[in-house]
Amino acid sequence: MRVGSVTIGGGAPVVVQSMAATRTQDVDATVAQARMIHEAGAGLVRVAVDSRRDVECLARVREAVPEANFVVDLQESYRLVTQVAPHVDKVRYNPGHLYHHEKDKPVAEKVAFIAETAAKHDCAIRVGVNCGSVDPDMDARHAGADEPGLEGVTAMVESALDHCRMLDDAGFTRYVVSLKDSDPRKVIAGNRRFAEARPDVPLHLGVTEAGMPPEGVIKTRIAFEQLLSRGVGDTIRVSLTLPFAEKWREVEAGRAILDDIEAGRFRSVPEFLDGGLNIISCPSCSRVENEAFIELAQDVKAMTAYAKEHDITIAVMGCRVNGPGETDDADLGLWCAPTFVNLKRGEEELGAYPYDEVLGRLRAELDALIAGRSATS
């Protein structure tokens, strides 16, 4: 599948990609970031677009960095494809988001609209399925289908296969699929199942919300080594929580993993088990509404070190797009707004706190969780 100047799948070298973390309307910063990511060796550069003003700025970024291949995520508004497609090489949509927008319209009709527009503007498509945002009908249909630890994988795979059929029916073949989760085991299981069912479809690999280095790289390496060594995967992204100026490290990490696999060097990595503290955090992208999110994620990691032996998951999310839903499955979750942080215990909302106060409240909740589990054990 051709995407701008690169080829994905069909025996072509695995393509590394990354995402600009800057706000698209800050054109100078986004141009600098796109150029930095491209020069670091990324074959694709993803940029966030959420409004018409973003589209205008995207066009200026594309004009300033014509050597890069650009990708844009359509988010909740699939109709934005008509404005975005003229300026990019690939568009990505999430089947879960597509389900929720214009519910009175058949999903296949929305997919056909995206496909028709993409074809008109010589764009490829990525069907991006996340385990945490599968559409409710698909989720309910496959509830209980997976073994413990792999909950949601069947729904994720079936959602991807369903959308492949819709694109096929629309006569569109230039598409790639991604099946992501923050748990490497679910990424491995989902991609292996999909590859067995549709070996003809290129796969984009990634562990979403992998977190901060080095743990985020370790989680991602586990998934990539087990998949790429079996011939599963055609393009990759290492999603890390990083300062904006260091987003090139995602590309560096991806290239290092590919080099090792190609040379037969499989590093000894910790086996990914349920035991112990697990902190997940989303990659620092342009949807982040306050850069203090990055520092907060680092502070959470440092503050919670004392709980490393406890089987607890803490999620730190940087925006309103992923924040509410992606924290539901964590024991404790924080999703960051421009001036405050929403604290959650599972799906229960505990309140909104200033950035400089939320750590103390998080510690209190963590201590209470540990004490409660100790009392019942």
Protein backbone atom coordinates (compact mmCIF):
# COMPACT_ATOMS: atom_id res chain seq x y z
CA MET A 1 0.00 0.00 0.00
CA ARG A 2 1.44 3.38 -1.04
CA VAL A 3 1.31 6.29 1.38
CA GLY A 4 2.93 9.31 -0.18
CA SER A 5 6.52 8.34 -0.92
CA VAL A 6 6.58 5.18 1.24
CA THR A 7 5.18 1.70 0.76
CA ILE A 8 3.57 -0.23 3.62
CA GLY A 9 3.33 -4.00 3.36
CA GLY A 10 4.00 -6.26 0.39
CA GLY A 11 7.49 -7.10 1.64
CA ALA A 12 8.60 -3.46 1.90
CA PRO A 13 10.79 -2.47 4.88
CA VAL A 14 8.83 -1.71 8.06
CA VAL A 15 7.97 2.00 8.19
CA VAL A 16 8.54 3.92 11.44
CA GLN A 17 6.19 6.78 12.24
CA SER A 18 5.53 9.31 14.99
CA MET A 19 3.14 12.14 15.88
CA ALA A 20 3.70 15.85 16.29
CA ALA A 21 3.03 16.92 19.88
CA THR A 22 2.60 20.62 19.18
CA ARG A 23 -0.72 22.36 18.64
CA THR A 24 -1.36 22.49 14.90
CA GLN A 25 -2.35 26.16 15.06
CA ASP A 26 1.15 26.94 16.31
CA VAL A 27 2.41 26.62 12.76
CA ASP A 28 6.08 27.42 13.41
CA ALA A 29 6.32 24.90 16.25
CA THR A 30 4.48 22.23 14.26
CA VAL A 31 6.69 22.78 11.22
CA ALA A 32 9.77 22.41 13.42
CA GLN A 33 8.38 19.26 15.03
CA ALA A 34 7.33 17.66 11.72
CA ARG A 35 10.75 18.38 10.26
CA MET A 36 12.47 16.98 13.37
CA ILE A 37 10.43 13.76 13.26
CA HIS A 38 11.00 13.35 9.52
CA GLU A 39 14.74 13.95 9.82
CA ALA A 40 14.91 11.42 12.67
CA GLY A 41 13.86 8.79 10.13
CA ALA A 42 10.07 8.65 10.34
CA GLY A 43 8.36 7.65 7.11
CA LEU A 44 5.08 9.16 8.31
CA VAL A 45 4.30 12.17 10.49
CA ARG A 46 0.91 12.38 12.16
CA VAL A 47 -0.70 15.73 12.98
CA ALA A 48 -3.89 16.36 14.96
CA VAL A 49 -6.74 18.30 13.34
CA ASP A 50 -9.94 19.12 15.21
CA SER A 51 -11.28 22.26 13.50
CA ARG A 52 -11.34 24.22 10.25
CA ARG A 53 -8.68 26.53 11.65
CA ASP A 54 -6.49 23.48 12.24
CA VAL A 55 -7.01 22.50 8.60
CA GLU A 56 -5.82 25.91 7.41
CA CYS A 57 -2.71 25.57 9.54
CA LEU A 58 -2.17 21.99 8.39
CA ALA A 59 -2.00 23.23 4.80
CA ARG A 60 0.76 25.67 5.80
CA VAL A 61 2.66 22.96 7.64
CA ARG A 62 2.44 20.66 4.62
CA GLU A 63 3.68 23.42 2.35
CA ALA A 64 6.65 24.09 4.67
CA VAL A 65 7.66 20.42 4.98
CA PRO A 66 6.80 18.89 1.60
CA GLU A 67 9.34 16.11 2.05
CA ALA A 68 7.31 14.51 4.89
CA ASN A 69 4.35 12.16 4.46
CA PHE A 70 1.48 13.40 6.61
CA VAL A 71 -1.29 11.53 8.42
CA VAL A 72 -4.30 13.04 10.17
CA ASP A 73 -6.69 11.47 12.66
CA LEU A 74 -10.33 12.33 11.94
CA GLN A 75 -11.36 11.93 15.62
CA GLU A 76 -15.11 12.26 16.16
CA SER A 77 -15.91 14.18 12.95
CA TYR A 78 -15.58 11.86 9.97
CA ARG A 79 -16.89 14.60 7.64
CA LEU A 80 -13.69 16.54 8.29
CA VAL A 81 -12.10 14.20 5.74
CA THR A 82 -13.29 16.46 2.90
CA GLN A 83 -11.19 19.34 4.25
CA VAL A 84 -8.21 17.28 5.42
CA ALA A 85 -7.68 14.86 2.53
CA PRO A 86 -6.28 17.44 0.06
CA HIS A 87 -3.36 18.12 2.41
CA VAL A 88 -2.30 14.65 3.65
CA ASP A 89 -1.23 11.23 2.45
CA LYS A 90 -3.31 9.15 4.84
CA VAL A 91 -6.34 9.63 7.10
CA ARG A 92 -7.10 7.56 10.18
CA TYR A 93 -10.51 6.90 11.65
CA ASN A 94 -11.56 5.01 14.79
CA PRO A 95 -14.57 2.68 14.30
CA GLY A 96 -15.67 3.43 17.86
CA HIS A 97 -15.79 7.18 17.18
CA LEU A 98 -17.55 6.57 13.87
CA TYR A 99 -20.28 4.62 15.68
CA HIS A 100 -21.10 7.54 17.98
CA HIS A 101 -21.29 10.26 15.27
CA GLU A 102 -24.57 10.61 13.33
CA LYS A 103 -26.08 7.48 14.88
CA ASP A 104 -29.06 7.55 12.55
CA LYS A 105 -26.79 6.86 9.57
CA PRO A 106 -25.48 3.34 8.78
CA VAL A 107 -21.80 2.95 9.62
CA ALA A 108 -21.11 1.45 6.19
CA GLU A 109 -22.39 4.67 4.62
CA LYS A 110 -19.94 6.72 6.69
CA VAL A 111 -17.08 4.39 5.75
CA ALA A 112 -18.00 4.67 2.07
CA PHE A 113 -17.97 8.47 2.38
CA ILE A 114 -14.46 8.42 3.87
CA ALA A 115 -13.27 5.96 1.22
CA GLU A 116 -14.71 7.95 -1.68
CA THR A 117 -13.09 11.17 -0.42
CA ALA A 118 -9.75 9.48 0.22
CA ALA A 119 -9.70 7.97 -3.26
CA LYS A 120 -10.52 11.34 -4.82
CA HIS A 121 -7.47 12.91 -3.15
CA ASP A 122 -5.03 9.99 -3.53
CA CYS A 123 -5.08 9.22 0.22
CA ALA A 124 -4.64 5.95 2.05
CA ILE A 125 -6.73 5.05 5.12
CA ARG A 126 -5.90 3.59 8.52
CA VAL A 127 -8.64 1.81 10.41
CA GLY A 128 -7.49 2.40 13.98
CA VAL A 129 -9.20 0.15 16.52
CA ASN A 130 -8.43 0.59 20.21
CA CYS A 131 -9.46 -2.06 22.74
CA GLY A 132 -10.79 0.65 25.04
CA SER A 133 -13.00 2.37 22.47
CA VAL A 134 -14.70 -0.40 20.50
CA ASP A 135 -18.28 0.53 19.66
CA PRO A 136 -20.75 -0.61 22.36
CA ASP A 137 -22.72 -2.97 20.11
CA MET A 138 -19.59 -4.86 19.07
CA ASP A 139 -18.38 -4.92 22.66
CA ALA A 140 -21.66 -6.33 23.94
CA ARG A 141 -21.85 -8.91 21.15
CA HIS A 142 -18.52 -10.44 22.19
CA ALA A 143 -18.73 -9.97 25.96
CA GLY A 144 -17.23 -12.98 27.72
CA ALA A 145 -15.55 -14.29 24.58
CA ASP A 146 -12.00 -13.85 25.86
CA GLU A 147 -9.95 -15.59 28.51
CA PRO A 148 -8.97 -13.62 31.64
CA GLY A 149 -6.35 -11.01 30.82
CA LEU A 150 -7.41 -10.71 27.19
CA GLU A 151 -10.83 -9.16 27.66
CA GLY A 152 -11.91 -7.10 24.67
CA VAL A 153 -9.54 -8.65 22.14
CA THR A 154 -12.24 -10.53 20.23
CA ALA A 155 -14.40 -7.40 19.93
CA MET A 156 -11.39 -5.41 18.74
CA VAL A 157 -10.48 -7.97 16.08
CA GLU A 158 -14.07 -8.39 14.88
CA SER A 159 -14.47 -4.62 14.66
CA ALA A 160 -11.38 -4.42 12.45
CA LEU A 161 -12.55 -7.27 10.24
CA ASP A 162 -16.00 -5.69 9.95
CA HIS A 163 -14.54 -2.40 8.73
CA CYS A 164 -12.24 -4.18 6.28
CA ARG A 165 -15.34 -5.72 4.73
CA MET A 166 -16.98 -2.30 4.50
CA LEU A 167 -13.95 -0.83 2.74
CA ASP A 168 -13.75 -3.84 0.43
CA ASP A 169 -17.44 -3.43 -0.42
CA ALA A 170 -16.77 0.24 -1.17
CA GLY A 171 -14.05 -0.82 -3.63
CA PHE A 172 -11.26 0.77 -1.59
CA THR A 173 -8.07 -1.25 -1.10
CA ARG A 174 -5.44 1.24 0.10
CA TYR A 175 -5.95 0.70 3.80
CA VAL A 176 -3.98 -0.44 6.82
CA VAL A 177 -5.34 -1.64 10.16
CA SER A 178 -4.15 -1.06 13.71
CA LEU A 179 -5.28 -2.98 16.80
CA LYS A 180 -3.95 -1.33 19.93
CA ASP A 181 -4.11 -1.54 23.70
CA SER A 182 -1.91 -0.48 26.61
CA ASP A 183 -1.37 -4.17 27.47
CA PRO A 184 1.25 -5.80 25.20
CA ARG A 185 -0.46 -9.19 25.54
CA LYS A 186 -3.67 -7.86 24.03
CA VAL A 187 -1.70 -6.21 21.21
CA ILE A 188 0.05 -9.49 20.48
CA ALA A 189 -3.11 -11.61 20.64
CA GLY A 190 -5.21 -9.18 18.61
CA ASN A 191 -2.70 -8.68 15.82
CA ARG A 192 -1.92 -12.38 15.52
CA ARG A 193 -5.60 -13.23 15.22
CA PHE A 194 -6.21 -10.51 12.66
CA ALA A 195 -3.16 -11.49 10.60
CA GLU A 196 -4.42 -15.07 10.42
CA ALA A 197 -7.83 -13.90 9.20
CA ARG A 198 -6.62 -11.19 6.77
CA PRO A 199 -2.97 -11.77 5.85
CA ASP A 200 -3.50 -9.49 2.84
CA VAL A 201 -4.05 -6.37 4.97
CA PRO A 202 -1.00 -4.37 6.17
CA LEU A 203 -0.79 -3.87 9.93
CA HIS A 204 0.25 -0.81 11.92
CA LEU A 205 1.68 -1.92 15.28
CA GLY A 206 1.70 0.03 18.52
CA VAL A 207 1.17 -0.23 22.25
CA THR A 208 -1.07 2.71 23.04
CA GLU A 209 -0.39 4.77 26.16
CA ALA A 210 2.82 2.80 26.67
CA GLY A 211 4.02 5.43 29.14
CA MET A 212 7.43 6.89 29.84
CA PRO A 213 10.87 5.52 29.01
CA PRO A 214 12.23 3.03 29.79
CA GLU A 215 9.07 1.12 30.76
CA GLY A 216 7.17 2.35 27.71
CA VAL A 217 9.92 1.13 25.40
CA ILE A 218 10.03 -2.23 27.20
CA LYS A 219 6.27 -2.77 26.83
CA THR A 220 6.45 -1.87 23.16
CA ARG A 221 9.53 -4.02 22.52
CA ILE A 222 7.76 -7.04 24.01
CA ALA A 223 4.90 -6.69 21.55
CA PHE A 224 7.03 -5.83 18.53
CA GLU A 225 9.56 -8.62 19.04
CA GLN A 226 6.84 -11.24 19.31
CA LEU A 227 4.91 -9.94 16.30
CA LEU A 228 7.55 -8.73 13.83
CA SER A 229 9.65 -11.87 14.34
CA ARG A 230 6.63 -13.83 13.06
CA GLY A 231 6.19 -11.56 10.05
CA VAL A 232 3.24 -9.68 11.57
CA GLY A 233 3.45 -5.90 11.19
CA ASP A 234 4.32 -3.45 8.41
CA THR A 235 4.55 -0.05 10.09
CA ILE A 236 5.16 0.86 13.74
CA ARG A 237 4.89 3.66 16.25
CA VAL A 238 6.43 3.73 19.71
CA SER A 239 4.02 5.88 21.75
CA LEU A 240 5.88 7.54 24.61
CA THR A 241 5.12 10.31 27.09
CA LEU A 242 7.95 12.74 26.28
CA PRO A 243 8.71 16.45 26.41
CA PHE A 244 7.74 17.97 23.08
CA ALA A 245 11.36 18.62 22.13
CA GLU A 246 12.17 14.92 22.52
CA LYS A 247 9.54 13.34 20.29
CA TRP A 248 12.32 12.20 17.99
CA ARG A 249 13.05 9.56 20.64
CA GLU A 250 9.95 7.64 19.50
CA VAL A 251 11.55 7.24 16.09
CA GLU A 252 14.92 6.34 17.60
CA ALA A 253 13.32 3.66 19.79
CA GLY A 254 11.40 2.20 16.87
CA ARG A 255 14.43 2.05 14.62
CA ALA A 256 16.50 0.43 17.39
CA ILE A 257 13.89 -2.30 17.87
CA LEU A 258 13.72 -2.94 14.11
CA ASP A 259 17.52 -3.08 13.79
CA ASP A 260 17.74 -5.63 16.60
CA ILE A 261 15.02 -7.85 15.16
CA GLU A 262 16.49 -7.70 11.65
CA ALA A 263 19.90 -8.69 13.02
CA GLY A 264 18.44 -11.49 15.14
CA ARG A 265 19.29 -9.68 18.37
CA PHE A 266 16.47 -10.30 20.79
CA ARG A 267 17.18 -8.53 24.03
CA SER A 268 16.30 -10.08 27.35
CA VAL A 269 13.23 -8.19 28.53
CA PRO A 270 11.12 -8.67 31.65
CA GLU A 271 8.18 -11.00 31.13
CA PHE A 272 5.06 -8.87 31.18
CA LEU A 273 2.93 -10.20 34.02
CA ASP A 274 0.00 -8.85 36.01
CA GLY A 275 2.10 -8.46 39.15
CA GLY A 276 3.23 -5.08 40.33
CA LEU A 277 2.39 -1.44 39.77
CA ASN A 278 1.51 -0.57 36.17
CA ILE A 279 1.47 3.09 35.11
CA ILE A 280 0.06 3.82 31.68
CA SER A 281 0.16 7.28 30.13
CA CYS A 282 -0.77 8.55 26.70
CA PRO A 283 1.84 9.87 24.27
CA SER A 284 2.37 13.61 24.46
CA CYS A 285 0.56 14.81 21.33
CA SER A 286 -1.03 18.04 20.12
CA ARG A 287 -4.35 17.15 21.77
CA VAL A 288 -2.73 17.67 25.19
CA GLU A 289 -4.42 20.76 26.61
CA ASN A 290 -1.71 21.58 29.16
CA GLU A 291 1.93 20.62 28.82
CA ALA A 292 1.97 20.25 32.61
CA PHE A 293 0.49 16.80 31.88
CA ILE A 294 3.95 15.53 30.95
CA GLU A 295 5.51 16.70 34.21
CA LEU A 296 2.53 15.32 36.11
CA ALA A 297 3.00 11.88 34.54
CA GLN A 298 6.65 11.92 35.58
CA ASP A 299 5.70 13.03 39.11
CA VAL A 300 3.12 10.24 39.37
CA LYS A 301 5.76 7.72 38.43
CA ALA A 302 8.18 9.04 41.07
CA MET A 303 5.57 9.44 43.80
CA THR A 304 4.11 5.94 43.40
CA ALA A 305 7.43 4.10 43.44
CA TYR A 306 6.74 2.95 47.00
CA ALA A 307 3.78 0.89 45.69
CA LYS A 308 5.71 -0.99 43.01
CA GLU A 309 4.94 -4.42 44.52
CA HIS A 310 1.17 -3.91 44.46
CA ASP A 311 -1.02 -5.07 41.57
CA ILE A 312 -2.45 -1.65 40.76
CA THR A 313 -2.89 0.19 37.45
CA ILE A 314 -2.76 3.98 37.34
CA ALA A 315 -3.65 5.77 34.08
CA VAL A 316 -2.54 9.33 33.30
CA MET A 317 -4.24 10.77 30.21
CA GLY A 318 -3.50 14.15 28.66
CA CYS A 319 -6.73 15.16 26.89
CA ARG A 320 -10.51 14.98 26.80
CA VAL A 321 -10.47 12.67 23.75
CA ASN A 322 -8.83 9.68 25.43
CA GLY A 323 -9.08 10.76 29.06
CA PRO A 324 -12.62 9.82 30.14
CA GLY A 325 -12.86 6.41 28.50
CA GLU A 326 -9.26 5.22 28.65
CA THR A 327 -9.13 5.65 32.45
CA ASP A 328 -12.25 3.55 33.13
CA ASP A 329 -10.36 0.26 33.34
CA ALA A 330 -7.59 1.57 35.60
CA ASP A 331 -7.73 1.28 39.37
CA LEU A 332 -6.96 4.99 39.58
CA GLY A 333 -7.09 7.43 36.70
CA LEU A 334 -6.17 11.02 36.00
CA TRP A 335 -7.24 12.85 32.88
CA CYS A 336 -5.98 16.34 32.37
CA ALA A 337 -7.96 19.42 31.36
CA PRO A 338 -6.42 22.85 30.69
CA THR A 339 -6.48 24.03 34.33
CA PHE A 340 -7.40 20.98 36.41
CA VAL A 341 -7.06 17.21 36.60
CA ASN A 342 -10.02 14.83 36.86
CA LEU A 343 -9.34 12.04 39.37
CA LYS A 344 -11.14 8.70 39.07
CA ARG A 345 -11.38 5.38 40.89
CA GLY A 346 -12.28 2.99 38.10
CA GLU A 347 -15.32 4.51 36.41
CA GLU A 348 -16.19 6.60 39.49
CA GLU A 349 -15.32 10.29 39.26
CA LEU A 350 -13.77 11.61 42.47
CA GLY A 351 -13.54 15.27 41.51
CA ALA A 352 -11.41 17.83 39.69
CA TYR A 353 -8.24 19.19 41.32
CA PRO A 354 -5.61 21.80 40.44
CA TYR A 355 -2.41 20.37 38.99
CA ASP A 356 -0.46 21.28 42.14
CA GLU A 357 -2.96 19.49 44.43
CA VAL A 358 -3.89 16.31 42.59
CA LEU A 359 -0.77 14.33 43.56
CA GLY A 360 -1.63 14.50 47.25
CA ARG A 361 -5.18 13.31 46.60
CA LEU A 362 -3.89 10.54 44.33
CA ARG A 363 -1.57 9.33 47.09
CA ALA A 364 -4.44 9.27 49.56
CA GLU A 365 -6.52 7.18 47.15
CA LEU A 366 -3.58 4.87 46.44
CA ASP A 367 -2.94 4.34 50.16
CA ALA A 368 -6.63 3.63 50.74
CA LEU A 369 -6.67 1.13 47.87
CA ILE A 370 -3.61 -0.68 49.22
CA ALA A 371 -5.02 -0.72 52.76
CA GLY A 372 -8.36 -2.01 51.55
CA ARG A 373 -6.80 -4.87 49.63
CA SER A 374 -4.52 -5.76 52.54
CA ALA A 375 -7.51 -5.94 54.88
CA THR A 376 -9.33 -8.41 52.66
CA SER A 377 -6.36 -10.61 51.81
